[in-house]
């Protein structure tokens, strides 16, 4: 299994409505990108100070499927239209289990 984890800090002034719209857009991806085995995402639970604001975890079979997900036009549109406008900072990691 190949895992992709992305964490984001939002720009100052990001609204709940913008986060909700991004979340809805992310929720539509698994039905449109068939290489996704698992897909989880959401805002930080607020339990630990200093945490990132939001995270996305995508599970696929292998690195080639990750590239398919990463470069998929629907995913790219969500990044461009919903995520990029509200992201101040991001961190990403991929690993295999």
C-alpha atoms as a PDB file:
ATOM      1  CA  UNK A   1       0.000   0.000   0.000  1.00  0.00           C
ATOM      2  CA  UNK A   2       1.217   3.497  -0.858  1.00  0.00           C
ATOM      3  CA  UNK A   3       0.117   6.422   1.312  1.00  0.00           C
ATOM      4  CA  UNK A   4       0.101  10.143   0.605  1.00  0.00           C
ATOM      5  CA  UNK A   5      -0.354  12.562   3.500  1.00  0.00           C
ATOM      6  CA  UNK A   6      -0.801  16.292   2.951  1.00  0.00           C
ATOM      7  CA  UNK A   7      -1.197  18.858   5.737  1.00  0.00           C
ATOM      8  CA  UNK A   8      -2.171  22.472   5.321  1.00  0.00           C
ATOM      9  CA  UNK A   9      -2.217  25.738   7.206  1.00  0.00           C
ATOM     10  CA  UNK A  10      -4.871  28.153   5.997  1.00  0.00           C
ATOM     11  CA  UNK A  11      -4.372  31.764   5.069  1.00  0.00           C
ATOM     12  CA  UNK A  12      -5.510  34.353   7.579  1.00  0.00           C
ATOM     13  CA  UNK A  13      -9.151  35.164   6.899  1.00  0.00           C
ATOM     14  CA  UNK A  14     -10.092  31.776   5.440  1.00  0.00           C
ATOM     15  CA  UNK A  15     -13.807  31.284   6.090  1.00  0.00           C
ATOM     16  CA  UNK A  16     -15.711  28.236   7.270  1.00  0.00           C
ATOM     17  CA  UNK A  17     -17.576  28.362   3.966  1.00  0.00           C
ATOM     18  CA  UNK A  18     -14.318  28.098   2.015  1.00  0.00           C
ATOM     19  CA  UNK A  19     -13.202  25.107   4.089  1.00  0.00           C
ATOM     20  CA  UNK A  20     -16.630  23.486   3.672  1.00  0.00           C
ATOM     21  CA  UNK A  21     -16.447  23.994  -0.105  1.00  0.00           C
ATOM     22  CA  UNK A  22     -12.962  22.451  -0.226  1.00  0.00           C
ATOM     23  CA  UNK A  23     -14.149  19.522   1.887  1.00  0.00           C
ATOM     24  CA  UNK A  24     -17.116  18.920  -0.430  1.00  0.00           C
ATOM     25  CA  UNK A  25     -14.832  19.039  -3.465  1.00  0.00           C
ATOM     26  CA  UNK A  26     -12.439  16.528  -1.869  1.00  0.00           C
ATOM     27  CA  UNK A  27     -15.367  14.250  -0.971  1.00  0.00           C
ATOM     28  CA  UNK A  28     -16.242  13.939  -4.663  1.00  0.00           C
ATOM     29  CA  UNK A  29     -12.798  12.673  -5.691  1.00  0.00           C
ATOM     30  CA  UNK A  30     -13.044   8.967  -4.737  1.00  0.00           C
ATOM     31  CA  UNK A  31     -15.980   8.439  -7.111  1.00  0.00           C
ATOM     32  CA  UNK A  32     -14.003  10.067  -9.930  1.00  0.00           C
ATOM     33  CA  UNK A  33     -10.489   8.667  -9.412  1.00  0.00           C
ATOM     34  CA  UNK A  34     -10.582   4.892  -9.466  1.00  0.00           C
ATOM     35  CA  UNK A  35      -7.050   4.303  -8.124  1.00  0.00           C
ATOM     36  CA  UNK A  36      -8.051   5.594  -4.674  1.00  0.00           C
ATOM     37  CA  UNK A  37      -8.375   2.702  -2.233  1.00  0.00           C
ATOM     38  CA  UNK A  38      -8.888   4.933   0.792  1.00  0.00           C
ATOM     39  CA  UNK A  39      -9.408   8.671   1.091  1.00  0.00           C
ATOM     40  CA  UNK A  40      -9.722  10.585   4.333  1.00  0.00           C
ATOM     41  CA  UNK A  41      -9.561  14.301   5.002  1.00  0.00           C
ATOM     42  CA  UNK A  42     -10.714  16.938   7.416  1.00  0.00           C
ATOM     43  CA  UNK A  43      -9.902  19.837   9.699  1.00  0.00           C
ATOM     44  CA  UNK A  44      -7.697  19.469  12.757  1.00  0.00           C
ATOM     45  CA  UNK A  45      -9.546  18.222  15.836  1.00  0.00           C
ATOM     46  CA  UNK A  46      -7.977  20.934  17.978  1.00  0.00           C
ATOM     47  CA  UNK A  47      -6.509  18.583  20.584  1.00  0.00           C
ATOM     48  CA  UNK A  48      -2.844  19.628  20.285  1.00  0.00           C
ATOM     49  CA  UNK A  49      -1.555  23.185  20.004  1.00  0.00           C
ATOM     50  CA  UNK A  50       0.554  23.913  16.937  1.00  0.00           C
ATOM     51  CA  UNK A  51      -1.101  21.308  14.710  1.00  0.00           C
ATOM     52  CA  UNK A  52      -1.769  21.925  11.056  1.00  0.00           C
ATOM     53  CA  UNK A  53      -5.271  23.132  10.096  1.00  0.00           C
ATOM     54  CA  UNK A  54      -6.295  20.370   7.695  1.00  0.00           C
ATOM     55  CA  UNK A  55      -5.073  16.998   6.428  1.00  0.00           C
ATOM     56  CA  UNK A  56      -5.675  14.704   3.460  1.00  0.00           C
ATOM     57  CA  UNK A  57      -4.664  11.021   3.413  1.00  0.00           C
ATOM     58  CA  UNK A  58      -4.859   9.137   0.114  1.00  0.00           C
ATOM     59  CA  UNK A  59      -4.210   5.398  -0.056  1.00  0.00           C
ATOM     60  CA  UNK A  60      -3.377   3.745  -3.386  1.00  0.00           C
ATOM     61  CA  UNK A  61      -1.739   0.498  -4.465  1.00  0.00           C
ATOM     62  CA  UNK A  62       1.657   1.851  -5.519  1.00  0.00           C
ATOM     63  CA  UNK A  63       3.687   4.886  -6.583  1.00  0.00           C
ATOM     64  CA  UNK A  64       2.336   4.736 -10.142  1.00  0.00           C
ATOM     65  CA  UNK A  65      -1.227   4.981  -8.829  1.00  0.00           C
ATOM     66  CA  UNK A  66      -0.185   7.924  -6.651  1.00  0.00           C
ATOM     67  CA  UNK A  67       1.068   9.732  -9.756  1.00  0.00           C
ATOM     68  CA  UNK A  68      -2.256   8.948 -11.464  1.00  0.00           C
ATOM     69  CA  UNK A  69      -4.118  10.498  -8.498  1.00  0.00           C
ATOM     70  CA  UNK A  70      -1.724  13.448  -8.177  1.00  0.00           C
ATOM     71  CA  UNK A  71      -1.975  14.348 -11.851  1.00  0.00           C
ATOM     72  CA  UNK A  72      -5.656  13.479 -12.397  1.00  0.00           C
ATOM     73  CA  UNK A  73      -7.454  16.480 -13.944  1.00  0.00           C
ATOM     74  CA  UNK A  74     -10.251  16.359 -11.369  1.00  0.00           C
ATOM     75  CA  UNK A  75      -7.766  16.365  -8.490  1.00  0.00           C
ATOM     76  CA  UNK A  76      -5.793  19.194 -10.102  1.00  0.00           C
ATOM     77  CA  UNK A  77      -9.022  21.209 -10.458  1.00  0.00           C
ATOM     78  CA  UNK A  78      -9.830  20.764  -6.749  1.00  0.00           C
ATOM     79  CA  UNK A  79      -6.316  21.890  -5.836  1.00  0.00           C
ATOM     80  CA  UNK A  80      -6.501  24.916  -8.133  1.00  0.00           C
ATOM     81  CA  UNK A  81     -10.084  25.981  -7.460  1.00  0.00           C
ATOM     82  CA  UNK A  82     -10.586  25.134  -3.780  1.00  0.00           C
ATOM     83  CA  UNK A  83      -7.331  24.423  -1.963  1.00  0.00           C
ATOM     84  CA  UNK A  84      -4.732  26.819  -3.376  1.00  0.00           C
ATOM     85  CA  UNK A  85      -6.794  29.955  -2.682  1.00  0.00           C
ATOM     86  CA  UNK A  86      -6.907  29.183   1.059  1.00  0.00           C
ATOM     87  CA  UNK A  87      -3.532  27.511   1.709  1.00  0.00           C
ATOM     88  CA  UNK A  88      -0.725  29.508   3.273  1.00  0.00           C
ATOM     89  CA  UNK A  89       1.573  26.545   3.868  1.00  0.00           C
ATOM     90  CA  UNK A  90       1.618  22.855   3.085  1.00  0.00           C
ATOM     91  CA  UNK A  91       3.617  19.734   3.855  1.00  0.00           C
ATOM     92  CA  UNK A  92       3.466  16.403   2.047  1.00  0.00           C
ATOM     93  CA  UNK A  93       4.911  12.946   2.502  1.00  0.00           C
ATOM     94  CA  UNK A  94       4.482   9.634   0.720  1.00  0.00           C
ATOM     95  CA  UNK A  95       5.371   6.263   2.204  1.00  0.00           C
ATOM     96  CA  UNK A  96       4.774   2.565   1.645  1.00  0.00           C
ATOM     97  CA  UNK A  97       3.555  -0.094   4.055  1.00  0.00           C
END
